[in-house]
Protein backbone atom coordinates (compact mmCIF):
# COMPACT_ATOMS: atom_id res chain seq x y z
CA MET A 1 12.75 -20.41 1.63
CA HIS A 2 14.18 -21.74 -1.65
CA THR A 3 17.65 -20.48 -2.49
CA ASP A 4 18.62 -22.64 -5.50
CA THR A 5 19.74 -20.15 -8.12
CA ARG A 6 21.39 -22.47 -10.64
CA THR A 7 21.36 -21.43 -14.27
CA PRO A 8 22.96 -23.02 -17.34
CA HIS A 9 25.72 -20.45 -16.85
CA GLY A 10 26.23 -21.04 -13.13
CA PRO A 11 24.46 -19.54 -10.14
CA ALA A 12 22.47 -16.39 -10.76
CA PRO A 13 23.83 -13.53 -8.68
CA THR A 14 21.88 -12.32 -5.68
CA ALA A 15 20.29 -8.87 -5.55
CA GLU A 16 23.02 -7.74 -3.19
CA GLU A 17 25.73 -9.01 -5.55
CA LEU A 18 24.10 -7.23 -8.49
CA LEU A 19 23.62 -3.91 -6.71
CA GLY A 20 26.54 -3.96 -4.31
CA THR A 21 25.95 -3.92 -0.57
CA ALA A 22 25.75 -0.13 -0.21
CA LEU A 23 23.10 0.44 -2.90
CA HIS A 24 21.16 -2.67 -1.90
CA ASP A 25 20.98 -1.51 1.71
CA GLU A 26 20.07 2.03 0.60
CA VAL A 27 17.15 0.78 -1.52
CA VAL A 28 15.83 -1.48 1.24
CA ARG A 29 16.14 1.28 3.82
CA TYR A 30 14.45 3.87 1.56
CA PHE A 31 11.40 1.71 0.86
CA ALA A 32 11.15 0.32 4.41
CA GLU A 33 11.06 3.88 5.79
CA GLN A 34 8.15 5.04 3.62
CA PRO A 35 4.79 5.68 5.33
CA ASP A 36 2.79 2.46 5.68
CA ALA A 37 5.75 0.47 4.36
CA PRO A 38 6.13 -3.23 4.99
CA ASP A 39 8.98 -4.38 7.21
CA ALA A 40 12.56 -4.46 5.94
CA ASP A 41 12.48 -8.25 5.38
CA PHE A 42 9.52 -7.91 3.02
CA VAL A 43 11.20 -5.01 1.22
CA THR A 44 14.35 -7.12 0.86
CA TYR A 45 12.29 -9.68 -1.05
CA GLN A 46 10.76 -6.92 -3.16
CA VAL A 47 14.26 -5.78 -4.12
CA ARG A 48 15.25 -9.41 -4.83
CA GLU A 49 12.29 -9.89 -7.16
CA CYS A 50 12.93 -6.57 -8.91
CA LEU A 51 16.49 -7.67 -9.63
CA ARG A 52 15.28 -11.08 -10.76
CA TYR A 53 12.88 -9.35 -13.14
CA LEU A 54 15.71 -7.21 -14.55
CA TYR A 55 17.98 -10.27 -14.76
CA LEU A 56 15.41 -12.11 -16.89
CA VAL A 57 14.77 -9.11 -19.15
CA SER A 58 18.51 -8.75 -19.63
CA ARG A 59 19.09 -12.44 -20.34
CA HIS A 60 16.05 -12.88 -22.64
CA PRO A 61 15.45 -9.57 -24.47
CA ASP A 62 14.15 -11.40 -27.53
CA ARG A 63 11.50 -13.25 -25.51
CA LEU A 64 10.64 -10.72 -22.81
CA GLY A 65 11.45 -7.27 -24.19
CA GLY A 66 8.45 -4.99 -24.35
CA LEU A 67 6.11 -7.30 -22.46
CA PHE A 68 3.72 -6.04 -19.83
CA LEU A 69 5.32 -5.89 -16.38
CA PRO A 70 4.19 -9.11 -14.64
CA VAL A 71 5.13 -7.89 -11.17
CA GLU A 72 3.39 -5.74 -8.60
CA GLN A 73 3.54 -1.95 -8.65
CA ASP A 74 5.96 -1.94 -5.68
CA ILE A 75 8.54 -3.76 -7.80
CA ASP A 76 8.14 -1.18 -10.57
CA GLU A 77 8.67 1.59 -8.01
CA ILE A 78 11.94 -0.03 -6.94
CA TRP A 79 12.96 -0.15 -10.59
CA HIS A 80 12.17 3.58 -10.90
CA TYR A 81 14.33 4.28 -7.85
CA LEU A 82 17.22 2.32 -9.38
CA ILE A 83 16.90 4.16 -12.70
CA LEU A 84 17.30 7.47 -10.85
CA GLN A 85 20.69 6.26 -9.61
CA THR A 86 21.86 6.77 -13.19
CA ARG A 87 25.51 5.78 -12.90
CA GLU A 88 24.83 2.70 -10.80
CA TYR A 89 21.86 1.67 -12.96
CA ARG A 90 23.90 1.89 -16.17
CA GLU A 91 26.66 -0.19 -14.54
CA LEU A 92 24.09 -2.73 -13.35
CA CYS A 93 22.62 -3.11 -16.83
CA GLU A 94 25.82 -3.06 -18.85
CA GLN A 95 28.29 -4.79 -16.51
CA ARG A 96 26.43 -6.93 -13.97
CA LEU A 97 23.33 -8.26 -15.70
CA PRO A 98 23.84 -11.11 -18.19
CA GLY A 99 22.74 -9.29 -21.36
CA GLY A 100 25.21 -6.45 -21.00
CA HIS A 101 22.79 -3.85 -22.39
CA PHE A 102 20.87 -0.92 -20.95
CA ILE A 103 17.30 -1.85 -19.97
CA HIS A 104 14.94 0.96 -20.85
CA HIS A 105 11.69 1.58 -19.01
CA ARG A 106 8.56 2.76 -20.76
CA SER A 107 5.45 3.47 -18.74
CA ILE A 108 2.10 2.54 -20.24
CA SER A 109 -1.20 2.41 -18.47
CA TYR A 110 -2.78 -0.97 -17.86
CA ASP A 111 -5.88 0.13 -19.82
CA ALA A 112 -3.78 1.13 -22.82
CA TYR A 113 -1.90 -2.16 -22.67
CA GLN A 114 -5.11 -4.19 -22.44
CA ALA A 115 -6.59 -2.34 -25.42
CA ASP A 116 -3.58 -3.19 -27.60
CA PRO A 117 -2.82 -6.93 -27.40
CA GLY A 118 -6.04 -8.21 -25.85
CA ARG A 119 -6.58 -10.56 -22.92
CA GLU A 120 -5.34 -13.77 -24.57
CA THR A 121 -2.06 -12.21 -25.61
CA ALA A 122 -1.65 -10.63 -22.17
CA ALA A 123 -2.20 -14.02 -20.51
CA GLU A 124 0.30 -15.74 -22.81
CA GLU A 125 2.87 -13.01 -22.18
CA ALA A 126 2.38 -13.29 -18.41
CA LEU A 127 2.83 -17.07 -18.51
CA ARG A 128 6.00 -16.73 -20.61
CA TRP A 129 7.90 -15.52 -17.51
CA ILE A 130 7.33 -18.59 -15.37
CA PRO A 131 9.60 -21.18 -17.06
CA LEU A 132 12.34 -18.60 -17.54
CA TYR A 133 12.16 -17.64 -13.87
CA THR A 134 12.24 -21.23 -12.65
CA ALA A 135 15.14 -22.09 -14.96
CA ALA A 136 17.18 -19.21 -13.53
CA PHE A 137 16.13 -19.18 -9.88
CA GLY A 138 14.31 -22.42 -9.15
CA PRO A 139 10.60 -22.61 -8.32
CA PHE A 140 8.85 -19.55 -6.94
CA ASP A 141 8.96 -19.57 -3.16
CA ALA A 142 6.55 -18.09 -0.64
CA ASP A 143 8.68 -14.93 -0.46
CA ALA A 144 8.43 -14.37 -4.24
CA LEU A 145 4.72 -15.16 -4.48
CA PRO A 146 3.35 -11.74 -3.39
CA HIS A 147 5.38 -9.91 -6.03
CA TRP A 148 4.53 -11.71 -9.30
CA THR A 149 0.95 -10.96 -10.35
CA VAL A 150 0.37 -13.99 -12.58
CA VAL A 151 1.95 -16.40 -10.09
CA ARG A 152 -0.19 -15.07 -7.27
CA PHE A 153 -3.29 -15.39 -9.49
CA LEU A 154 -2.45 -19.00 -10.36
CA HIS A 155 -1.85 -19.77 -6.69
CA ASP A 156 -4.64 -17.82 -5.00
CA GLN A 157 -7.41 -17.90 -7.59
CA LEU A 158 -6.78 -21.21 -9.37
CA GLY A 159 -5.41 -23.09 -6.37
CA LEU A 160 -2.16 -24.23 -8.00
CA SER A 161 0.70 -25.10 -5.67
CA LEU A 162 4.11 -23.49 -6.18
CA ALA A 163 5.34 -26.87 -7.51
CA GLU A 164 2.50 -26.96 -10.05
CA ILE A 165 3.26 -23.40 -11.09
CA ALA A 166 6.89 -24.39 -11.65
CA ASP A 167 5.62 -26.90 -14.24
CA VAL A 168 3.55 -24.31 -16.12
CA ASP A 169 6.02 -24.33 -19.01
CA ALA A 170 4.07 -27.19 -20.58
CA VAL A 171 0.86 -25.18 -20.29
CA ALA A 172 2.44 -22.01 -21.62
CA GLY A 173 4.02 -23.82 -24.54
CA THR A 174 7.32 -22.21 -23.75
CA PRO A 175 10.45 -24.34 -23.86
CA ALA A 176 12.12 -24.41 -20.46
């Protein structure tokens, strides 16, 4: 497991640091106890990737704001759960995440999204996340892979290694 979380501003906080131990444990427990849920270790990584997603949106609102959610539905459901903890979610957004602003959520169906920007734009937007993620958290690791749709596609369907995916910034044309 890769744990290098260096950023230009120092180490990125962990999910537990961002949420606080009590809320972090509550979220993991809630999702691990659902019918047909994965084990608590897997859910812990889901929570980690949800917080990493929110961290990136907070840090890069100009580059990532309004883009299609590049993570699996389970991550979005964790985000919904956090939003319902209104006081803690506001504090997370405004005091613990790097941008210091509330992160709004707007649901849109995949079909509606695909009809608007088109496949090429959707692909470019999905690839935009990779260099920002690797700059903040290091390369995707095996525990992150199941949760990021585009990364899993590049790995499983195109056969790219996690190291090759970490170098996708040149392909995406996005400065690292």
